[in-house]
PDB file of all heavy atoms in Angstrom:
ATOM      1  N   SER A   1      -2.183   8.826  -2.226  1.00  0.00           N
ATOM      2  CA  SER A   1      -2.828   9.994  -2.836  1.00  0.00           C
ATOM      3  C   SER A   1      -4.148   9.611  -3.537  1.00  0.00           C
ATOM      4  O   SER A   1      -4.496   8.439  -3.651  1.00  0.00           O
ATOM      5  CB  SER A   1      -1.880  10.665  -3.823  1.00  0.00           C
ATOM      6  OG  SER A   1      -0.691  11.061  -3.172  1.00  0.00           O
ATOM      7  N   LYS A   2      -4.844  10.627  -4.007  1.00  0.00           N
ATOM      8  CA  LYS A   2      -6.078  10.455  -4.771  1.00  0.00           C
ATOM      9  C   LYS A   2      -6.124  11.468  -5.909  1.00  0.00           C
ATOM     10  O   LYS A   2      -5.603  12.588  -5.773  1.00  0.00           O
ATOM     11  CB  LYS A   2      -7.320  10.689  -3.895  1.00  0.00           C
ATOM     12  CG  LYS A   2      -7.715   9.570  -2.965  1.00  0.00           C
ATOM     13  CD  LYS A   2      -9.008   9.927  -2.243  1.00  0.00           C
ATOM     14  CE  LYS A   2      -9.484   8.817  -1.337  1.00  0.00           C
ATOM     15  NZ  LYS A   2     -10.773   9.168  -0.665  1.00  0.00           N
ATOM     16  N   ILE A   3      -6.765  11.064  -6.989  1.00  0.00           N
ATOM     17  CA  ILE A   3      -7.176  12.026  -8.020  1.00  0.00           C
ATOM     18  C   ILE A   3      -8.685  12.218  -7.846  1.00  0.00           C
ATOM     19  O   ILE A   3      -9.446  11.244  -7.865  1.00  0.00           O
ATOM     20  CB  ILE A   3      -6.826  11.519  -9.420  1.00  0.00           C
ATOM     21  CG1 ILE A   3      -5.305  11.483  -9.567  1.00  0.00           C
ATOM     22  CG2 ILE A   3      -7.441  12.438 -10.489  1.00  0.00           C
ATOM     23  CD1 ILE A   3      -4.842  10.908 -10.898  1.00  0.00           C
ATOM     24  N   VAL A   4      -9.076  13.461  -7.659  1.00  0.00           N
ATOM     25  CA  VAL A   4     -10.459  13.786  -7.284  1.00  0.00           C
ATOM     26  C   VAL A   4     -11.085  14.693  -8.333  1.00  0.00           C
ATOM     27  O   VAL A   4     -10.495  15.690  -8.744  1.00  0.00           O
ATOM     28  CB  VAL A   4     -10.511  14.479  -5.903  1.00  0.00           C
ATOM     29  CG1 VAL A   4     -11.952  14.695  -5.473  1.00  0.00           C
ATOM     30  CG2 VAL A   4      -9.761  13.656  -4.857  1.00  0.00           C
ATOM     31  N   THR A   5     -12.263  14.311  -8.789  1.00  0.00           N
ATOM     32  CA  THR A   5     -13.026  15.158  -9.701  1.00  0.00           C
ATOM     33  C   THR A   5     -13.987  16.008  -8.893  1.00  0.00           C
ATOM     34  O   THR A   5     -14.771  15.487  -8.094  1.00  0.00           O
ATOM     35  CB  THR A   5     -13.811  14.324 -10.728  1.00  0.00           C
ATOM     36  OG1 THR A   5     -12.917  13.455 -11.420  1.00  0.00           O
ATOM     37  CG2 THR A   5     -14.510  15.225 -11.741  1.00  0.00           C
ATOM     38  N   LEU A   6     -13.924  17.318  -9.089  1.00  0.00           N
ATOM     39  CA  LEU A   6     -14.739  18.279  -8.343  1.00  0.00           C
ATOM     40  C   LEU A   6     -15.642  19.056  -9.283  1.00  0.00           C
ATOM     41  O   LEU A   6     -15.265  19.319 -10.425  1.00  0.00           O
ATOM     42  CB  LEU A   6     -13.850  19.276  -7.600  1.00  0.00           C
ATOM     43  CG  LEU A   6     -12.813  18.738  -6.620  1.00  0.00           C
ATOM     44  CD1 LEU A   6     -11.920  19.880  -6.140  1.00  0.00           C
ATOM     45  CD2 LEU A   6     -13.481  18.053  -5.444  1.00  0.00           C
ATOM     46  N   TYR A   7     -16.810  19.422  -8.795  1.00  0.00           N
ATOM     47  CA  TYR A   7     -17.607  20.418  -9.481  1.00  0.00           C
ATOM     48  C   TYR A   7     -17.613  21.654  -8.593  1.00  0.00           C
ATOM     49  O   TYR A   7     -18.147  21.619  -7.494  1.00  0.00           O
ATOM     50  CB  TYR A   7     -19.034  19.937  -9.739  1.00  0.00           C
ATOM     51  CG  TYR A   7     -19.804  20.931 -10.589  1.00  0.00           C
ATOM     52  CD1 TYR A   7     -19.397  21.203 -11.895  1.00  0.00           C
ATOM     53  CD2 TYR A   7     -20.900  21.606 -10.095  1.00  0.00           C
ATOM     54  CE1 TYR A   7     -20.065  22.121 -12.681  1.00  0.00           C
ATOM     55  CE2 TYR A   7     -21.574  22.531 -10.873  1.00  0.00           C
ATOM     56  CZ  TYR A   7     -21.164  22.782 -12.170  1.00  0.00           C
ATOM     57  OH  TYR A   7     -21.812  23.718 -12.950  1.00  0.00           O
ATOM     58  N   THR A   8     -16.977  22.719  -9.046  1.00  0.00           N
ATOM     59  CA  THR A   8     -16.735  23.866  -8.194  1.00  0.00           C
ATOM     60  C   THR A   8     -17.626  25.053  -8.547  1.00  0.00           C
ATOM     61  O   THR A   8     -18.102  25.173  -9.679  1.00  0.00           O
ATOM     62  CB  THR A   8     -15.259  24.316  -8.297  1.00  0.00           C
ATOM     63  OG1 THR A   8     -15.034  24.883  -9.593  1.00  0.00           O
ATOM     64  CG2 THR A   8     -14.306  23.134  -8.083  1.00  0.00           C
ATOM     65  N   ARG A   9     -17.812  25.903  -7.570  1.00  0.00           N
ATOM     66  CA  ARG A   9     -18.621  27.103  -7.808  1.00  0.00           C
ATOM     67  C   ARG A   9     -17.942  28.046  -8.794  1.00  0.00           C
ATOM     68  O   ARG A   9     -18.590  28.589  -9.693  1.00  0.00           O
ATOM     69  CB  ARG A   9     -18.857  27.844  -6.480  1.00  0.00           C
ATOM     70  CG  ARG A   9     -19.700  29.104  -6.645  1.00  0.00           C
ATOM     71  CD  ARG A   9     -19.686  29.949  -5.373  1.00  0.00           C
ATOM     72  NE  ARG A   9     -20.331  29.229  -4.269  1.00  0.00           N
ATOM     73  CZ  ARG A   9     -21.646  29.197  -4.081  1.00  0.00           C
ATOM     74  NH1 ARG A   9     -22.452  29.802  -4.917  1.00  0.00           N
ATOM     75  NH2 ARG A   9     -22.142  28.535  -3.053  1.00  0.00           N
ATOM     76  N   ARG A  10     -16.652  28.237  -8.686  1.00  0.00           N
ATOM     77  CA  ARG A  10     -15.957  29.270  -9.468  1.00  0.00           C
ATOM     78  C   ARG A  10     -15.348  28.775 -10.767  1.00  0.00           C
ATOM     79  O   ARG A  10     -15.141  29.553 -11.697  1.00  0.00           O
ATOM     80  CB  ARG A  10     -14.860  29.919  -8.612  1.00  0.00           C
ATOM     81  CG  ARG A  10     -15.366  30.772  -7.448  1.00  0.00           C
ATOM     82  CD  ARG A  10     -14.230  31.348  -6.651  1.00  0.00           C
ATOM     83  NE  ARG A  10     -13.319  32.144  -7.490  1.00  0.00           N
ATOM     84  CZ  ARG A  10     -12.129  32.562  -7.063  1.00  0.00           C
ATOM     85  NH1 ARG A  10     -11.696  32.247  -5.854  1.00  0.00           N
ATOM     86  NH2 ARG A  10     -11.361  33.294  -7.869  1.00  0.00           N
ATOM     87  N   TYR A  11     -15.046  27.475 -10.842  1.00  0.00           N
ATOM     88  CA  TYR A  11     -14.268  26.995 -11.989  1.00  0.00           C
ATOM     89  C   TYR A  11     -14.911  25.808 -12.698  1.00  0.00           C
ATOM     90  O   TYR A  11     -14.288  25.202 -13.558  1.00  0.00           O
ATOM     91  CB  TYR A  11     -12.853  26.623 -11.550  1.00  0.00           C
ATOM     92  CG  TYR A  11     -12.154  27.770 -10.842  1.00  0.00           C
ATOM     93  CD1 TYR A  11     -12.085  27.830  -9.457  1.00  0.00           C
ATOM     94  CD2 TYR A  11     -11.595  28.811 -11.579  1.00  0.00           C
ATOM     95  CE1 TYR A  11     -11.459  28.882  -8.819  1.00  0.00           C
ATOM     96  CE2 TYR A  11     -10.967  29.870 -10.937  1.00  0.00           C
ATOM     97  CZ  TYR A  11     -10.901  29.896  -9.560  1.00  0.00           C
ATOM     98  OH  TYR A  11     -10.293  30.964  -8.916  1.00  0.00           O
ATOM     99  N   GLY A  12     -16.129  25.477 -12.358  1.00  0.00           N
ATOM    100  CA  GLY A  12     -16.777  24.351 -13.004  1.00  0.00           C
ATOM    101  C   GLY A  12     -16.150  23.020 -12.626  1.00  0.00           C
ATOM    102  O   GLY A  12     -15.596  22.856 -11.535  1.00  0.00           O
ATOM    103  N   LYS A  13     -16.209  22.080 -13.540  1.00  0.00           N
ATOM    104  CA  LYS A  13     -15.716  20.720 -13.281  1.00  0.00           C
ATOM    105  C   LYS A  13     -14.209  20.656 -13.557  1.00  0.00           C
ATOM    106  O   LYS A  13     -13.738  21.117 -14.602  1.00  0.00           O
ATOM    107  CB  LYS A  13     -16.454  19.707 -14.162  1.00  0.00           C
ATOM    108  CG  LYS A  13     -16.148  18.251 -13.825  1.00  0.00           C
ATOM    109  CD  LYS A  13     -16.983  17.310 -14.656  1.00  0.00           C
ATOM    110  CE  LYS A  13     -16.603  17.335 -16.117  1.00  0.00           C
ATOM    111  NZ  LYS A  13     -17.300  16.292 -16.915  1.00  0.00           N
ATOM    112  N   LEU A  14     -13.469  20.089 -12.620  1.00  0.00           N
ATOM    113  CA  LEU A  14     -12.021  19.945 -12.816  1.00  0.00           C
ATOM    114  C   LEU A  14     -11.503  18.797 -11.937  1.00  0.00           C
ATOM    115  O   LEU A  14     -12.213  18.290 -11.084  1.00  0.00           O
ATOM    116  CB  LEU A  14     -11.289  21.244 -12.511  1.00  0.00           C
ATOM    117  CG  LEU A  14     -11.580  21.962 -11.179  1.00  0.00           C
ATOM    118  CD1 LEU A  14     -10.838  21.325 -10.022  1.00  0.00           C
ATOM    119  CD2 LEU A  14     -11.213  23.438 -11.280  1.00  0.00           C
ATOM    120  N   LYS A  15     -10.241  18.431 -12.182  1.00  0.00           N
ATOM    121  CA  LYS A  15      -9.611  17.362 -11.414  1.00  0.00           C
ATOM    122  C   LYS A  15      -8.438  17.931 -10.626  1.00  0.00           C
ATOM    123  O   LYS A  15      -7.705  18.806 -11.116  1.00  0.00           O
ATOM    124  CB  LYS A  15      -9.119  16.242 -12.342  1.00  0.00           C
ATOM    125  CG  LYS A  15     -10.225  15.447 -12.978  1.00  0.00           C
ATOM    126  CD  LYS A  15      -9.672  14.312 -13.829  1.00  0.00           C
ATOM    127  CE  LYS A  15     -10.793  13.502 -14.444  1.00  0.00           C
ATOM    128  NZ  LYS A  15     -10.280  12.383 -15.274  1.00  0.00           N
ATOM    129  N   VAL A  16      -8.270  17.410  -9.421  1.00  0.00           N
ATOM    130  CA  VAL A  16      -7.133  17.775  -8.584  1.00  0.00           C
ATOM    131  C   VAL A  16      -6.444  16.513  -8.098  1.00  0.00           C
ATOM    132  O   VAL A  16      -7.069  15.448  -7.993  1.00  0.00           O
ATOM    133  CB  VAL A  16      -7.554  18.637  -7.378  1.00  0.00           C
ATOM    134  CG1 VAL A  16      -8.189  19.937  -7.815  1.00  0.00           C
ATOM    135  CG2 VAL A  16      -8.483  17.853  -6.445  1.00  0.00           C
ATOM    136  N   ILE A  17      -5.155  16.637  -7.826  1.00  0.00           N
ATOM    137  CA  ILE A  17      -4.447  15.544  -7.175  1.00  0.00           C
ATOM    138  C   ILE A  17      -4.269  15.926  -5.716  1.00  0.00           C
ATOM    139  O   ILE A  17      -3.800  17.008  -5.383  1.00  0.00           O
ATOM    140  CB  ILE A  17      -3.091  15.248  -7.845  1.00  0.00           C
ATOM    141  CG1 ILE A  17      -2.412  14.069  -7.135  1.00  0.00           C
ATOM    142  CG2 ILE A  17      -2.203  16.466  -7.925  1.00  0.00           C
ATOM    143  CD1 ILE A  17      -1.251  13.487  -7.905  1.00  0.00           C
ATOM    144  N   ALA A  18      -4.738  15.034  -4.860  1.00  0.00           N
ATOM    145  CA  ALA A  18      -4.654  15.254  -3.405  1.00  0.00           C
ATOM    146  C   ALA A  18      -3.537  14.355  -2.868  1.00  0.00           C
ATOM    147  O   ALA A  18      -3.746  13.165  -2.591  1.00  0.00           O
ATOM    148  CB  ALA A  18      -5.990  14.948  -2.749  1.00  0.00           C
ATOM    149  N   LYS A  19      -2.362  14.909  -2.722  1.00  0.00           N
ATOM    150  CA  LYS A  19      -1.208  14.121  -2.314  1.00  0.00           C
ATOM    151  C   LYS A  19      -1.244  13.775  -0.831  1.00  0.00           C
ATOM    152  O   LYS A  19      -1.526  14.633   0.001  1.00  0.00           O
ATOM    153  CB  LYS A  19       0.077  14.885  -2.643  1.00  0.00           C
ATOM    154  CG  LYS A  19       0.329  15.023  -4.145  1.00  0.00           C
ATOM    155  CD  LYS A  19       1.684  15.640  -4.438  1.00  0.00           C
ATOM    156  CE  LYS A  19       1.969  15.657  -5.933  1.00  0.00           C
ATOM    157  NZ  LYS A  19       3.291  16.251  -6.232  1.00  0.00           N
ATOM    158  N   GLY A  20      -0.980  12.518  -0.526  1.00  0.00           N
ATOM    159  CA  GLY A  20      -0.902  12.062   0.855  1.00  0.00           C
ATOM    160  C   GLY A  20      -2.232  12.006   1.588  1.00  0.00           C
ATOM    161  O   GLY A  20      -2.264  11.743   2.788  1.00  0.00           O
ATOM    162  N   VAL A  21      -3.338  12.200   0.870  1.00  0.00           N
ATOM    163  CA  VAL A  21      -4.622  12.323   1.559  1.00  0.00           C
ATOM    164  C   VAL A  21      -5.108  11.002   2.140  1.00  0.00           C
ATOM    165  O   VAL A  21      -5.958  10.984   3.037  1.00  0.00           O
ATOM    166  CB  VAL A  21      -5.662  12.924   0.586  1.00  0.00           C
ATOM    167  CG1 VAL A  21      -6.136  11.884  -0.426  1.00  0.00           C
ATOM    168  CG2 VAL A  21      -6.846  13.519   1.341  1.00  0.00           C
ATOM    169  N   ARG A  22      -4.568   9.875   1.665  1.00  0.00           N
ATOM    170  CA  ARG A  22      -4.978   8.578   2.184  1.00  0.00           C
ATOM    171  C   ARG A  22      -4.120   8.131   3.354  1.00  0.00           C
ATOM    172  O   ARG A  22      -4.335   7.053   3.921  1.00  0.00           O
ATOM    173  CB  ARG A  22      -4.926   7.536   1.076  1.00  0.00           C
ATOM    174  CG  ARG A  22      -6.043   7.712   0.040  1.00  0.00           C
ATOM    175  CD  ARG A  22      -5.796   6.949  -1.255  1.00  0.00           C
ATOM    176  NE  ARG A  22      -5.425   5.570  -0.991  1.00  0.00           N
ATOM    177  CZ  ARG A  22      -4.510   4.901  -1.693  1.00  0.00           C
ATOM    178  NH1 ARG A  22      -3.848   5.507  -2.674  1.00  0.00           N
ATOM    179  NH2 ARG A  22      -4.226   3.652  -1.399  1.00  0.00           N
ATOM    180  N   ALA A  23      -3.142   8.949   3.754  1.00  0.00           N
ATOM    181  CA  ALA A  23      -2.337   8.621   4.911  1.00  0.00           C
ATOM    182  C   ALA A  23      -3.194   8.657   6.177  1.00  0.00           C
ATOM    183  O   ALA A  23      -4.139   9.450   6.280  1.00  0.00           O
ATOM    184  CB  ALA A  23      -1.180   9.598   5.035  1.00  0.00           C
ATOM    185  N   ALA A  24      -2.863   7.820   7.137  1.00  0.00           N
ATOM    186  CA  ALA A  24      -3.698   7.660   8.331  1.00  0.00           C
ATOM    187  C   ALA A  24      -3.923   8.969   9.093  1.00  0.00           C
ATOM    188  O   ALA A  24      -5.008   9.229   9.612  1.00  0.00           O
ATOM    189  CB  ALA A  24      -3.067   6.629   9.260  1.00  0.00           C
ATOM    190  N   LYS A  25      -2.949   9.838   9.124  1.00  0.00           N
ATOM    191  CA  LYS A  25      -3.067  11.063   9.911  1.00  0.00           C
ATOM    192  C   LYS A  25      -3.605  12.250   9.126  1.00  0.00           C
ATOM    193  O   LYS A  25      -3.752  13.344   9.686  1.00  0.00           O
ATOM    194  CB  LYS A  25      -1.680  11.419  10.505  1.00  0.00           C
ATOM    195  CG  LYS A  25      -1.169  10.399  11.505  1.00  0.00           C
ATOM    196  CD  LYS A  25       0.169  10.842  12.108  1.00  0.00           C
ATOM    197  CE  LYS A  25       0.671   9.825  13.134  1.00  0.00           C
ATOM    198  NZ  LYS A  25       1.980  10.248  13.718  1.00  0.00           N
ATOM    199  N   ASN A  26      -3.901  12.060   7.885  1.00  0.00           N
ATOM    200  CA  ASN A  26      -4.400  13.170   7.062  1.00  0.00           C
ATOM    201  C   ASN A  26      -5.896  13.386   7.328  1.00  0.00           C
ATOM    202  O   ASN A  26      -6.702  12.491   7.120  1.00  0.00           O
ATOM    203  CB  ASN A  26      -4.151  12.876   5.583  1.00  0.00           C
ATOM    204  CG  ASN A  26      -4.335  14.119   4.723  1.00  0.00           C
ATOM    205  OD1 ASN A  26      -5.379  14.731   4.725  1.00  0.00           O
ATOM    206  ND2 ASN A  26      -3.279  14.477   3.993  1.00  0.00           N
ATOM    207  N   LYS A  27      -6.244  14.579   7.765  1.00  0.00           N
ATOM    208  CA  LYS A  27      -7.620  14.870   8.154  1.00  0.00           C
ATOM    209  C   LYS A  27      -8.516  15.291   6.974  1.00  0.00           C
ATOM    210  O   LYS A  27      -9.718  15.441   7.137  1.00  0.00           O
ATOM    211  CB  LYS A  27      -7.644  15.961   9.214  1.00  0.00           C
ATOM    212  CG  LYS A  27      -6.945  15.545  10.520  1.00  0.00           C
ATOM    213  CD  LYS A  27      -7.000  16.672  11.545  1.00  0.00           C
ATOM    214  CE  LYS A  27      -6.325  16.249  12.846  1.00  0.00           C
ATOM    215  NZ  LYS A  27      -6.349  17.342  13.856  1.00  0.00           N
ATOM    216  N   ALA A  28      -7.906  15.491   5.813  1.00  0.00           N
ATOM    217  CA  ALA A  28      -8.681  15.978   4.670  1.00  0.00           C
ATOM    218  C   ALA A  28      -9.452  14.871   3.953  1.00  0.00           C
ATOM    219  O   ALA A  28     -10.344  15.140   3.155  1.00  0.00           O
ATOM    220  CB  ALA A  28      -7.758  16.674   3.666  1.00  0.00           C
ATOM    221  N   GLY A  29      -9.108  13.601   4.273  1.00  0.00           N
ATOM    222  CA  GLY A  29      -9.684  12.488   3.523  1.00  0.00           C
ATOM    223  C   GLY A  29     -11.197  12.460   3.540  1.00  0.00           C
ATOM    224  O   GLY A  29     -11.829  12.168   2.518  1.00  0.00           O
ATOM    225  N   ALA A  30     -11.809  12.757   4.674  1.00  0.00           N
ATOM    226  CA  ALA A  30     -13.267  12.691   4.789  1.00  0.00           C
ATOM    227  C   ALA A  30     -13.959  13.720   3.896  1.00  0.00           C
ATOM    228  O   ALA A  30     -15.118  13.530   3.517  1.00  0.00           O
ATOM    229  CB  ALA A  30     -13.694  12.901   6.241  1.00  0.00           C
ATOM    230  N   SER A  31     -13.275  14.790   3.570  1.00  0.00           N
ATOM    231  CA  SER A  31     -13.870  15.838   2.751  1.00  0.00           C
ATOM    232  C   SER A  31     -13.744  15.565   1.275  1.00  0.00           C
ATOM    233  O   SER A  31     -14.241  16.351   0.437  1.00  0.00           O
ATOM    234  CB  SER A  31     -13.203  17.197   3.062  1.00  0.00           C
ATOM    235  OG  SER A  31     -11.847  17.200   2.624  1.00  0.00           O
TER     236      SER A  31
END
């Protein structure tokens, strides 16, 4: 997994946990 800091249009700066995003088959990692 990853903890990701985002700057968002609607909610400003916040952190999200992206579970399983570092797994080989997870396509969200590049984003």
